[in-house]
C-alpha atoms as a PDB file:
ATOM      1  CA  MET A   1      -2.377  -9.566  19.678  1.00  0.00           C
ATOM      2  CA  LYS A   2      -5.087  -9.025  17.074  1.00  0.00           C
ATOM      3  CA  ILE A   3      -4.062  -7.743  13.672  1.00  0.00           C
ATOM      4  CA  ASP A   4      -6.272  -4.894  12.487  1.00  0.00           C
ATOM      5  CA  GLU A   5      -6.717  -6.040   8.877  1.00  0.00           C
ATOM      6  CA  GLU A   6      -9.329  -3.412   8.067  1.00  0.00           C
ATOM      7  CA  ASN A   7      -7.105  -0.452   8.974  1.00  0.00           C
ATOM      8  CA  ILE A   8      -4.062  -2.050   7.336  1.00  0.00           C
ATOM      9  CA  THR A   9      -6.113  -2.351   4.157  1.00  0.00           C
ATOM     10  CA  LYS A  10      -7.235   1.285   4.431  1.00  0.00           C
ATOM     11  CA  ARG A  11      -3.621   2.398   4.798  1.00  0.00           C
ATOM     12  CA  PHE A  12      -2.656   0.096   1.902  1.00  0.00           C
ATOM     13  CA  VAL A  13      -5.186   1.864  -0.334  1.00  0.00           C
ATOM     14  CA  SER A  14      -4.168   5.303   0.923  1.00  0.00           C
ATOM     15  CA  VAL A  15      -0.653   4.731  -0.413  1.00  0.00           C
ATOM     16  CA  TYR A  16      -2.059   4.818  -3.948  1.00  0.00           C
ATOM     17  CA  TYR A  17      -3.805   8.139  -3.306  1.00  0.00           C
ATOM     18  CA  GLU A  18      -0.663   9.646  -1.796  1.00  0.00           C
ATOM     19  CA  LEU A  19       1.478   8.516  -4.729  1.00  0.00           C
ATOM     20  CA  LYS A  20      -1.140   9.920  -7.105  1.00  0.00           C
ATOM     21  CA  ALA A  21      -1.208  13.245  -5.208  1.00  0.00           C
ATOM     22  CA  GLN A  22       2.588  13.418  -5.389  1.00  0.00           C
ATOM     23  CA  ARG A  23       2.389  12.608  -9.119  1.00  0.00           C
ATOM     24  CA  VAL A  24       4.572   9.553  -8.682  1.00  0.00           C
ATOM     25  CA  VAL A  25       1.918   7.457 -10.452  1.00  0.00           C
ATOM     26  CA  ASP A  26      -0.615   8.529 -13.036  1.00  0.00           C
ATOM     27  CA  THR A  27      -3.005   5.588 -12.968  1.00  0.00           C
ATOM     28  CA  LYS A  28      -4.179   2.745 -10.772  1.00  0.00           C
ATOM     29  CA  ARG A  29      -2.965   0.367 -13.456  1.00  0.00           C
ATOM     30  CA  GLU A  30       0.585   1.703 -13.103  1.00  0.00           C
ATOM     31  CA  PHE A  31       0.397   1.411  -9.305  1.00  0.00           C
ATOM     32  CA  CYS A  32      -1.071  -2.092  -9.463  1.00  0.00           C
ATOM     33  CA  GLN A  33       1.518  -3.438 -11.901  1.00  0.00           C
ATOM     34  CA  HIS A  34       4.233  -2.953  -9.294  1.00  0.00           C
ATOM     35  CA  ILE A  35       2.418  -4.718  -6.457  1.00  0.00           C
ATOM     36  CA  GLY A  36       1.014  -7.708  -8.297  1.00  0.00           C
ATOM     37  CA  ILE A  37      -2.676  -6.897  -8.231  1.00  0.00           C
ATOM     38  CA  THR A  38      -5.059  -6.231 -11.085  1.00  0.00           C
ATOM     39  CA  PRO A  39      -6.874  -2.884 -11.135  1.00  0.00           C
ATOM     40  CA  SER A  40     -10.194  -4.727 -10.785  1.00  0.00           C
ATOM     41  CA  ASN A  41      -8.971  -6.581  -7.681  1.00  0.00           C
ATOM     42  CA  PHE A  42      -7.562  -3.337  -6.314  1.00  0.00           C
ATOM     43  CA  ALA A  43     -11.030  -1.790  -6.726  1.00  0.00           C
ATOM     44  CA  ILE A  44     -12.475  -4.624  -4.613  1.00  0.00           C
ATOM     45  CA  VAL A  45      -9.860  -3.965  -1.916  1.00  0.00           C
ATOM     46  CA  GLU A  46     -10.489  -0.229  -2.217  1.00  0.00           C
ATOM     47  CA  ARG A  47     -14.221  -0.741  -1.565  1.00  0.00           C
ATOM     48  CA  GLY A  48     -13.392  -2.787   1.519  1.00  0.00           C
ATOM     49  CA  ASP A  49     -14.916  -5.980   0.126  1.00  0.00           C
ATOM     50  CA  ARG A  50     -11.572  -7.802   0.367  1.00  0.00           C
ATOM     51  CA  MET A  51      -8.485  -7.325   2.503  1.00  0.00           C
ATOM     52  CA  CYS A  52      -5.053  -6.907   0.964  1.00  0.00           C
ATOM     53  CA  HIS A  53      -2.831  -9.949   1.382  1.00  0.00           C
ATOM     54  CA  LEU A  54       0.725 -10.474   2.522  1.00  0.00           C
ATOM     55  CA  GLY A  55       2.250 -10.682  -0.960  1.00  0.00           C
ATOM     56  CA  GLN A  56       0.730  -7.341  -1.906  1.00  0.00           C
ATOM     57  CA  ILE A  57       1.871  -5.805   1.384  1.00  0.00           C
ATOM     58  CA  CYS A  58       5.438  -7.020   0.810  1.00  0.00           C
ATOM     59  CA  ALA A  59       5.433  -5.660  -2.745  1.00  0.00           C
ATOM     60  CA  LEU A  60       4.118  -2.311  -1.487  1.00  0.00           C
ATOM     61  CA  ILE A  61       6.896  -2.104   1.095  1.00  0.00           C
ATOM     62  CA  ASN A  62       9.642  -3.231  -1.269  1.00  0.00           C
ATOM     63  CA  TYR A  63       8.710  -1.332  -4.427  1.00  0.00           C
ATOM     64  CA  TRP A  64       7.157   1.865  -3.097  1.00  0.00           C
ATOM     65  CA  LYS A  65       9.356   1.997   0.067  1.00  0.00           C
ATOM     66  CA  VAL A  66       6.347   2.125   2.381  1.00  0.00           C
ATOM     67  CA  ASN A  67       7.242   2.141   6.058  1.00  0.00           C
ATOM     68  CA  PRO A  68       6.099  -1.273   7.370  1.00  0.00           C
ATOM     69  CA  THR A  69       5.540   0.129  10.877  1.00  0.00           C
ATOM     70  CA  TRP A  70       3.201   2.766   9.494  1.00  0.00           C
ATOM     71  CA  LEU A  71       1.396   0.224   7.337  1.00  0.00           C
ATOM     72  CA  MET A  72       0.809  -2.167  10.241  1.00  0.00           C
ATOM     73  CA  THR A  73       0.156   0.324  13.050  1.00  0.00           C
ATOM     74  CA  GLY A  74      -0.389   3.777  11.574  1.00  0.00           C
ATOM     75  CA  THR A  75       2.630   5.063  13.523  1.00  0.00           C
ATOM     76  CA  GLY A  76       5.403   7.027  11.840  1.00  0.00           C
ATOM     77  CA  ALA A  77       5.831   8.271   8.298  1.00  0.00           C
ATOM     78  CA  MET A  78       4.100   6.599   5.346  1.00  0.00           C
ATOM     79  CA  PHE A  79       7.335   6.181   3.411  1.00  0.00           C
ATOM     80  CA  TYR A  80      10.815   5.363   4.597  1.00  0.00           C
ATOM     81  CA  HIS A  81      14.135   6.061   3.046  1.00  0.00           C
ATOM     82  CA  PRO A  82      16.684   3.495   4.221  1.00  0.00           C
ATOM     83  CA  ALA A  83      20.213   4.711   4.827  1.00  0.00           C
ATOM     84  CA  ARG A  84      22.331   4.343   1.758  1.00  0.00           C
ATOM     85  CA  GLY A  85      25.699   2.795   2.331  1.00  0.00           C
END
């Protein structure tokens, strides 16, 4: 099975724009601080000149509660809300 890195990266970037639209974050810097990427490196990813990497993906899932199935495949909701016990 081939991993579609380009579309994963596009979805990765789209999380920032959704959080911005929902007014959860105000700036790219704020978004980037929580996923371990500098704003300048995020801009490179955003342009499509570099793919996001596993550490950034894990941080995105863990901090922003991004649905990993959606991130990898585009299926389902962008965010998930795990059951609270």
